[in-house]
Structures are given as structure tokens and as C-alpha cells.
N, C-alpha and C. Protein backbone atom coordinates (compact mmCIF):
# COMPACT_ATOMS: atom_id res chain seq x y z
N MET A 1 63.82 -132.07 122.30
CA MET A 1 64.91 -131.24 122.89
C MET A 1 64.33 -130.22 123.74
N ARG A 2 64.95 -130.23 124.98
CA ARG A 2 64.55 -129.29 125.95
C ARG A 2 64.92 -127.84 125.63
N PHE A 3 64.24 -127.00 126.05
CA PHE A 3 64.51 -125.48 125.87
C PHE A 3 65.81 -125.20 126.42
N GLU A 4 66.14 -125.75 127.69
CA GLU A 4 67.47 -125.44 128.24
C GLU A 4 68.78 -125.84 127.40
N GLN A 5 68.50 -126.62 126.46
CA GLN A 5 69.57 -127.26 125.56
C GLN A 5 69.76 -126.42 124.37
N MET A 6 68.79 -125.42 124.07
CA MET A 6 68.79 -124.68 122.85
C MET A 6 69.83 -123.77 123.05
N ALA A 7 70.63 -123.54 121.88
CA ALA A 7 71.74 -122.46 121.98
C ALA A 7 71.85 -121.89 120.56
N VAL A 8 72.27 -120.67 120.44
CA VAL A 8 72.62 -119.96 119.22
C VAL A 8 73.67 -120.80 118.47
N GLY A 9 73.47 -120.93 117.17
CA GLY A 9 74.46 -121.69 116.36
C GLY A 9 74.09 -123.07 116.20
N MET A 10 73.13 -123.78 116.83
CA MET A 10 72.75 -125.03 116.57
C MET A 10 72.05 -125.16 115.25
N VAL A 11 72.48 -126.22 114.57
CA VAL A 11 72.06 -126.41 113.10
C VAL A 11 71.47 -127.90 112.93
N ALA A 12 70.45 -128.07 112.13
CA ALA A 12 69.98 -129.30 111.65
C ALA A 12 69.60 -129.24 110.25
N GLU A 13 69.76 -130.43 109.50
CA GLU A 13 69.26 -130.56 108.16
C GLU A 13 68.70 -131.80 107.85
N ARG A 14 67.97 -131.73 106.85
CA ARG A 14 67.36 -133.01 106.40
C ARG A 14 67.04 -132.97 104.79
N ALA A 15 67.21 -133.91 104.07
CA ALA A 15 67.02 -133.95 102.67
C ALA A 15 65.98 -134.78 102.09
N ARG A 16 65.31 -134.41 101.06
CA ARG A 16 64.28 -135.24 100.47
C ARG A 16 64.36 -135.03 98.91
N THR A 17 64.21 -135.95 98.17
CA THR A 17 64.19 -135.82 96.59
C THR A 17 62.70 -135.76 96.20
N VAL A 18 62.29 -134.74 95.37
CA VAL A 18 60.92 -134.38 95.10
C VAL A 18 60.51 -135.33 93.88
N ALA A 19 59.45 -136.14 94.28
CA ALA A 19 58.91 -137.18 93.24
C ALA A 19 57.70 -136.57 92.72
N VAL A 20 57.30 -137.16 91.54
CA VAL A 20 56.19 -136.71 90.75
C VAL A 20 54.84 -137.05 91.69
N ASP A 21 54.99 -138.15 92.35
CA ASP A 21 53.79 -138.60 93.40
C ASP A 21 53.68 -137.48 94.42
N ASP A 22 54.81 -136.93 94.97
CA ASP A 22 54.72 -136.03 96.01
C ASP A 22 54.00 -134.89 95.46
N VAL A 23 54.27 -134.28 94.43
CA VAL A 23 53.63 -133.14 93.86
C VAL A 23 52.13 -133.36 93.54
N LEU A 24 51.78 -134.52 93.02
CA LEU A 24 50.44 -134.90 92.78
C LEU A 24 49.51 -135.04 94.07
N ARG A 25 50.22 -135.67 95.02
CA ARG A 25 49.62 -135.92 96.43
C ARG A 25 49.39 -134.48 97.07
N TYR A 26 50.39 -133.65 96.99
CA TYR A 26 50.24 -132.32 97.48
C TYR A 26 49.10 -131.53 96.82
N ALA A 27 48.98 -131.66 95.46
CA ALA A 27 47.79 -130.99 94.74
C ALA A 27 46.56 -131.65 95.11
N GLU A 28 46.52 -132.84 95.39
CA GLU A 28 45.16 -133.50 95.86
C GLU A 28 44.79 -133.14 97.26
N ILE A 29 45.77 -132.96 98.11
CA ILE A 29 45.40 -132.69 99.55
C ILE A 29 45.03 -131.13 99.64
N THR A 30 45.71 -130.30 98.92
CA THR A 30 45.51 -128.83 98.96
C THR A 30 44.44 -128.30 97.99
N GLY A 31 44.37 -129.00 96.87
CA GLY A 31 43.43 -128.44 95.79
C GLY A 31 44.15 -127.61 94.81
N ASP A 32 45.44 -127.49 95.01
CA ASP A 32 46.20 -126.62 94.07
C ASP A 32 46.59 -127.33 92.89
N PHE A 33 45.86 -127.41 91.86
CA PHE A 33 46.21 -128.05 90.60
C PHE A 33 46.72 -127.02 89.49
N ASN A 34 47.44 -126.09 89.92
CA ASN A 34 48.06 -125.16 88.93
C ASN A 34 48.85 -125.90 87.80
N PRO A 35 48.58 -125.83 86.52
CA PRO A 35 49.27 -126.53 85.52
C PRO A 35 50.72 -126.73 85.54
N VAL A 36 51.31 -125.57 86.02
CA VAL A 36 52.73 -125.55 86.14
C VAL A 36 53.30 -126.78 87.20
N HIS A 37 52.37 -127.14 88.01
CA HIS A 37 52.79 -128.35 88.88
C HIS A 37 52.40 -129.57 88.34
N VAL A 38 51.33 -129.74 87.83
CA VAL A 38 50.61 -130.97 87.51
C VAL A 38 50.39 -131.36 86.08
N ASP A 39 50.68 -130.61 85.19
CA ASP A 39 50.49 -130.64 83.71
C ASP A 39 51.90 -130.63 82.96
N ALA A 40 52.37 -131.62 82.58
CA ALA A 40 53.83 -131.59 81.98
C ALA A 40 53.81 -130.73 80.67
N VAL A 41 52.65 -130.95 79.81
CA VAL A 41 52.58 -130.22 78.56
C VAL A 41 52.41 -128.69 78.83
N ALA A 42 51.50 -128.37 79.71
CA ALA A 42 51.37 -126.84 80.02
C ALA A 42 52.50 -126.33 80.72
N ALA A 43 53.20 -127.01 81.55
CA ALA A 43 54.49 -126.62 82.47
C ALA A 43 55.52 -126.34 81.37
N ALA A 44 55.62 -127.19 80.24
CA ALA A 44 56.82 -127.15 79.40
C ALA A 44 56.70 -125.74 78.64
N LYS A 45 55.56 -125.16 78.39
CA LYS A 45 55.31 -123.91 77.86
C LYS A 45 55.40 -122.73 78.80
N SER A 46 55.57 -123.04 80.10
CA SER A 46 55.73 -122.00 81.02
C SER A 46 57.09 -121.38 81.11
N ARG A 47 57.34 -120.18 81.86
CA ARG A 47 58.47 -119.56 82.04
C ARG A 47 59.57 -120.53 82.50
N PHE A 48 58.98 -121.67 83.32
CA PHE A 48 59.99 -122.62 83.87
C PHE A 48 60.49 -123.76 82.98
N GLY A 49 59.75 -123.90 81.89
CA GLY A 49 60.24 -125.03 80.91
C GLY A 49 60.03 -126.39 81.38
N GLY A 50 59.17 -126.53 82.38
CA GLY A 50 58.76 -127.88 82.93
C GLY A 50 58.03 -127.79 84.22
N GLN A 51 57.54 -128.88 84.81
CA GLN A 51 56.98 -129.03 85.92
C GLN A 51 57.90 -128.63 87.15
N ILE A 52 57.24 -127.87 88.01
CA ILE A 52 57.85 -127.42 89.29
C ILE A 52 57.09 -127.78 90.48
N ALA A 53 57.63 -128.07 91.57
CA ALA A 53 57.02 -128.48 92.89
C ALA A 53 56.29 -127.12 93.32
N HIS A 54 55.31 -127.35 94.13
CA HIS A 54 54.63 -126.18 94.85
C HIS A 54 55.60 -125.71 95.86
N GLY A 55 55.52 -124.25 95.91
CA GLY A 55 56.49 -123.66 96.80
C GLY A 55 56.19 -124.15 98.38
N MET A 56 55.05 -124.32 98.65
CA MET A 56 54.59 -124.58 100.02
C MET A 56 54.98 -126.15 100.17
N LEU A 57 55.13 -126.91 99.31
CA LEU A 57 55.58 -128.34 99.42
C LEU A 57 57.03 -128.14 99.95
N THR A 58 57.74 -127.17 99.31
CA THR A 58 59.18 -127.04 99.76
C THR A 58 59.23 -126.54 101.26
N ALA A 59 58.36 -125.61 101.41
CA ALA A 59 58.27 -124.94 102.84
C ALA A 59 57.84 -126.14 103.83
N GLY A 60 57.21 -127.10 103.45
CA GLY A 60 56.83 -128.20 104.18
C GLY A 60 58.01 -129.03 104.73
N TYR A 61 59.09 -129.04 103.92
CA TYR A 61 60.34 -129.70 104.37
C TYR A 61 60.98 -128.99 105.47
N VAL A 62 60.78 -127.50 105.59
CA VAL A 62 61.33 -126.88 106.82
C VAL A 62 60.44 -127.31 107.88
N SER A 63 59.02 -127.39 107.79
CA SER A 63 58.16 -127.71 108.87
C SER A 63 58.58 -129.04 109.42
N ALA A 64 58.81 -130.09 108.65
CA ALA A 64 59.23 -131.28 109.16
C ALA A 64 60.55 -131.31 109.83
N LEU A 65 61.51 -130.49 109.44
CA LEU A 65 62.71 -130.38 110.11
C LEU A 65 62.60 -129.89 111.33
N LEU A 66 61.69 -128.75 111.49
CA LEU A 66 61.57 -128.13 112.95
C LEU A 66 60.74 -129.06 113.86
N ALA A 67 59.83 -129.71 113.28
CA ALA A 67 58.94 -130.62 114.01
C ALA A 67 59.56 -131.94 114.56
N MET A 68 60.62 -132.25 113.79
CA MET A 68 61.23 -133.63 113.99
C MET A 68 62.63 -133.52 114.53
N ASP A 69 63.40 -132.47 114.20
CA ASP A 69 64.71 -132.45 114.51
C ASP A 69 65.34 -131.32 115.31
N LEU A 70 65.01 -129.95 115.01
CA LEU A 70 65.35 -128.93 115.64
C LEU A 70 64.34 -127.93 115.73
N PRO A 71 63.59 -127.61 116.80
CA PRO A 71 63.88 -128.13 118.13
C PRO A 71 63.28 -129.50 118.28
N GLY A 72 62.40 -129.87 117.43
CA GLY A 72 61.88 -131.28 117.52
C GLY A 72 60.49 -131.45 118.10
N PRO A 73 60.06 -132.75 118.42
CA PRO A 73 58.71 -133.07 118.83
C PRO A 73 58.34 -132.18 120.11
N GLY A 74 57.07 -131.76 120.09
CA GLY A 74 56.56 -130.97 121.25
C GLY A 74 56.74 -129.45 121.01
N SER A 75 57.50 -129.13 120.04
CA SER A 75 57.57 -127.62 119.75
C SER A 75 56.46 -127.14 118.86
N ILE A 76 56.10 -125.77 119.08
CA ILE A 76 54.99 -125.39 118.40
C ILE A 76 55.48 -124.19 117.43
N TYR A 77 55.15 -124.38 116.14
CA TYR A 77 55.44 -123.57 115.21
C TYR A 77 54.57 -122.30 115.30
N LEU A 78 55.10 -121.12 115.62
CA LEU A 78 54.37 -119.72 115.68
C LEU A 78 54.41 -118.86 114.38
N THR A 79 55.60 -118.75 113.76
CA THR A 79 55.54 -117.87 112.67
C THR A 79 56.55 -118.38 111.75
N GLN A 80 56.40 -118.15 110.41
CA GLN A 80 57.50 -118.45 109.26
C GLN A 80 57.35 -117.32 108.17
N SER A 81 58.53 -116.65 107.99
CA SER A 81 58.57 -115.89 106.86
C SER A 81 59.30 -116.75 105.84
N ILE A 82 58.75 -116.67 104.56
CA ILE A 82 59.46 -117.37 103.41
C ILE A 82 59.64 -116.47 102.22
N ARG A 83 60.65 -116.72 101.60
CA ARG A 83 60.97 -116.09 100.19
C ARG A 83 61.46 -117.23 99.30
N PHE A 84 60.81 -117.54 98.17
CA PHE A 84 61.16 -118.48 97.25
C PHE A 84 62.04 -117.80 96.25
N THR A 85 63.21 -118.36 96.14
CA THR A 85 64.28 -117.90 95.29
C THR A 85 64.55 -118.53 93.96
N ARG A 86 64.16 -119.71 93.92
CA ARG A 86 64.34 -120.54 92.60
C ARG A 86 63.35 -121.62 92.62
N PRO A 87 62.80 -122.01 91.38
CA PRO A 87 61.98 -123.21 91.39
C PRO A 87 62.62 -124.48 91.85
N VAL A 88 61.83 -125.28 92.32
CA VAL A 88 62.23 -126.66 92.64
C VAL A 88 61.63 -127.65 91.59
N ARG A 89 62.58 -128.31 90.97
CA ARG A 89 62.00 -129.15 89.72
C ARG A 89 61.76 -130.56 90.31
N LEU A 90 61.03 -131.30 89.64
CA LEU A 90 60.80 -132.72 89.87
C LEU A 90 62.19 -133.45 89.79
N GLY A 91 62.42 -134.22 90.79
CA GLY A 91 63.69 -134.98 90.85
C GLY A 91 64.78 -134.20 91.59
N ASP A 92 64.49 -133.09 91.93
CA ASP A 92 65.62 -132.23 92.68
C ASP A 92 65.64 -132.82 94.11
N THR A 93 66.82 -132.79 94.68
CA THR A 93 66.93 -133.11 96.10
C THR A 93 67.16 -131.97 96.93
N VAL A 94 66.15 -131.67 97.73
CA VAL A 94 66.11 -130.41 98.53
C VAL A 94 66.65 -130.75 99.97
N THR A 95 67.66 -129.87 100.31
CA THR A 95 68.00 -130.01 101.79
C THR A 95 67.63 -128.86 102.54
N ALA A 96 66.69 -129.09 103.54
CA ALA A 96 66.15 -127.99 104.42
C ALA A 96 67.21 -127.90 105.55
N ARG A 97 67.42 -126.61 106.05
CA ARG A 97 68.40 -126.31 107.11
C ARG A 97 67.73 -125.37 107.99
N ALA A 98 68.06 -125.51 109.35
CA ALA A 98 67.50 -124.51 110.27
C ALA A 98 68.68 -124.34 111.18
N GLU A 99 68.90 -123.02 111.56
CA GLU A 99 69.93 -122.55 112.46
C GLU A 99 69.39 -121.77 113.59
N VAL A 100 69.51 -121.96 114.80
CA VAL A 100 69.16 -121.18 115.85
C VAL A 100 69.88 -119.83 115.79
N VAL A 101 69.26 -118.80 115.73
CA VAL A 101 69.72 -117.38 115.80
C VAL A 101 69.45 -116.57 117.02
N GLU A 102 68.44 -117.08 117.81
CA GLU A 102 68.12 -116.34 118.93
C GLU A 102 67.33 -117.36 119.91
N VAL A 103 67.57 -117.30 121.33
CA VAL A 103 66.94 -117.99 122.31
C VAL A 103 66.23 -116.92 123.06
N ILE A 104 64.98 -116.90 123.26
CA ILE A 104 64.24 -115.89 123.94
C ILE A 104 63.66 -116.46 125.24
N GLU A 105 64.42 -116.40 126.32
CA GLU A 105 64.27 -117.12 127.51
C GLU A 105 62.96 -116.82 128.09
N ALA A 106 62.64 -115.47 128.14
CA ALA A 106 61.33 -114.92 128.84
C ALA A 106 60.12 -115.51 128.31
N LYS A 107 60.17 -115.85 127.05
CA LYS A 107 58.89 -116.46 126.41
C LYS A 107 59.15 -117.92 125.89
N ARG A 108 60.23 -118.46 126.33
CA ARG A 108 60.54 -119.88 125.81
C ARG A 108 60.30 -120.09 124.35
N ARG A 109 60.91 -119.08 123.62
CA ARG A 109 60.88 -119.17 122.13
C ARG A 109 62.23 -119.15 121.52
N VAL A 110 62.29 -119.76 120.37
CA VAL A 110 63.49 -119.80 119.68
C VAL A 110 63.26 -119.43 118.18
N ARG A 111 64.12 -118.48 117.73
CA ARG A 111 64.18 -118.03 116.42
C ARG A 111 65.10 -118.65 115.66
N LEU A 112 64.72 -119.18 114.45
CA LEU A 112 65.70 -119.85 113.54
C LEU A 112 65.79 -119.28 112.06
N ALA A 113 66.97 -119.22 111.62
CA ALA A 113 67.12 -119.07 110.07
C ALA A 113 66.74 -120.34 109.36
N THR A 114 65.87 -120.30 108.30
CA THR A 114 65.59 -121.36 107.51
C THR A 114 65.96 -121.23 106.10
N THR A 115 66.36 -122.26 105.56
CA THR A 115 66.84 -122.32 104.08
C THR A 115 66.54 -123.64 103.51
N CYS A 116 66.32 -123.68 102.17
CA CYS A 116 66.40 -124.88 101.51
C CYS A 116 67.23 -124.79 100.30
N ARG A 117 68.13 -125.77 100.05
CA ARG A 117 69.05 -125.70 98.89
C ARG A 117 68.69 -127.05 98.05
N ASN A 118 68.98 -126.73 96.65
CA ASN A 118 68.93 -127.97 95.97
C ASN A 118 70.17 -128.76 95.71
N GLN A 119 70.33 -129.82 94.88
CA GLN A 119 71.57 -130.62 94.86
C GLN A 119 72.60 -129.94 94.29
N HIS A 120 72.38 -128.68 93.53
CA HIS A 120 73.55 -127.93 93.10
C HIS A 120 74.09 -126.82 94.02
N GLY A 121 73.43 -126.87 95.26
CA GLY A 121 73.80 -125.91 96.35
C GLY A 121 73.20 -124.53 96.13
N GLU A 122 72.17 -124.53 95.25
CA GLU A 122 71.28 -123.19 95.00
C GLU A 122 70.25 -123.13 96.10
N THR A 123 70.22 -121.83 96.46
CA THR A 123 69.18 -121.52 97.49
C THR A 123 67.78 -121.47 96.80
N VAL A 124 66.80 -122.19 97.26
CA VAL A 124 65.48 -122.25 96.62
C VAL A 124 64.42 -121.50 97.48
N LEU A 125 64.78 -121.50 98.80
CA LEU A 125 63.95 -120.92 99.91
C LEU A 125 64.73 -120.35 100.95
N GLU A 126 64.36 -119.24 101.51
CA GLU A 126 65.03 -118.63 102.64
C GLU A 126 63.90 -117.94 103.53
N GLY A 127 64.16 -117.87 104.83
CA GLY A 127 63.25 -117.30 105.65
C GLY A 127 63.68 -117.55 107.19
N GLU A 128 62.66 -117.30 107.98
CA GLU A 128 62.98 -117.27 109.43
C GLU A 128 61.60 -117.76 110.05
N ALA A 129 61.86 -118.65 111.17
CA ALA A 129 60.64 -119.22 111.82
C ALA A 129 60.97 -118.85 113.41
N THR A 130 59.81 -118.76 114.07
CA THR A 130 59.75 -118.72 115.52
C THR A 130 59.00 -119.79 116.05
N ILE A 131 59.62 -120.56 117.12
CA ILE A 131 59.05 -121.86 117.64
C ILE A 131 58.97 -121.40 119.10
N LEU A 132 57.72 -121.88 119.66
CA LEU A 132 57.56 -122.01 121.17
C LEU A 132 57.85 -123.31 121.69
N MET A 133 58.67 -123.29 122.72
CA MET A 133 59.27 -124.70 123.31
C MET A 133 58.16 -125.02 124.43
N PRO A 134 57.92 -126.33 124.58
CA PRO A 134 57.09 -126.77 125.59
C PRO A 134 57.58 -126.69 126.97
N GLU A 135 56.73 -126.52 127.91
CA GLU A 135 57.08 -126.78 129.38
C GLU A 135 57.59 -128.06 129.48
N GLU A 136 58.38 -128.26 130.56
CA GLU A 136 58.73 -129.69 130.90
C GLU A 136 57.70 -130.74 131.01
N SER A 137 56.68 -130.33 131.51
CA SER A 137 55.51 -131.28 131.79
C SER A 137 54.60 -131.56 130.64
N GLU A 138 54.93 -130.79 129.43
CA GLU A 138 53.96 -131.11 128.22
C GLU A 138 54.52 -132.17 127.53
């Protein structure tokens, strides 16, 4: 999407169901083998009562949405604030949502409100991102 097309109120969403393999691959890639994510027995004894996905895996769904949908390919992720509000459990379907809240013409930047909700409509992540839009020749 071109910078000139960006407007306050634009929205995009994408959903993904969290699989056990997703969590295990994320642990392998990052080295985060916290038992609450990868050990069903230990996780069952935790405050969550079972395995949960890594928070940053959930945040990755926001990254994919921004990179592929709004604003899309060519955009550069500058900042992201994140607040995790509920655990994401294995098997949950997470819908990432981004809404343009500001277009900063002088710097070719776009500020977006970002959220993730589970299949029950409960917010599991909320935050804000700033994206740099490419020049036309990029």
C-alpha cells in the first residue's frame, strides 16, 4: 500500500490458531523453553493450569499483519508497545487487528492501534505500532 493511500480508520485483521508445533518451533528458534510453554506437566501446576503460548509469539501475529496487510510489504516496523492482558492457550484462535490512528505526513509514518483477541472475543494483547512507509522508488 502506498503512503498516500493511508487514512485514519483503516483496519485490517488476520487470524491464526495456535498449535503445539507453533509453540515448540518458537521455543527452538528463540531458546525460550520456559516450562509454562513447553512442559504440559509443569504448566498444569502453574497459575495458568496448562500450557500457554509465548507472549512474543502472539505479538508476532501483529508483526505479520503489519508486514503483509496494513500497511503491507515494504513498510518498516519502527516501534511497538505491548501489554499482554490474558494468556493465549494452545488451540486458541487469535485474531490480530490493526487500525490506523494517525498518519504523519512529514515523516512518512503511520501510527496504528494493535490488538489481539481470542475466539471468545477476549483481548489478549493491546498496544501501538509506528511504521515507516517506503518512498515510491523503494
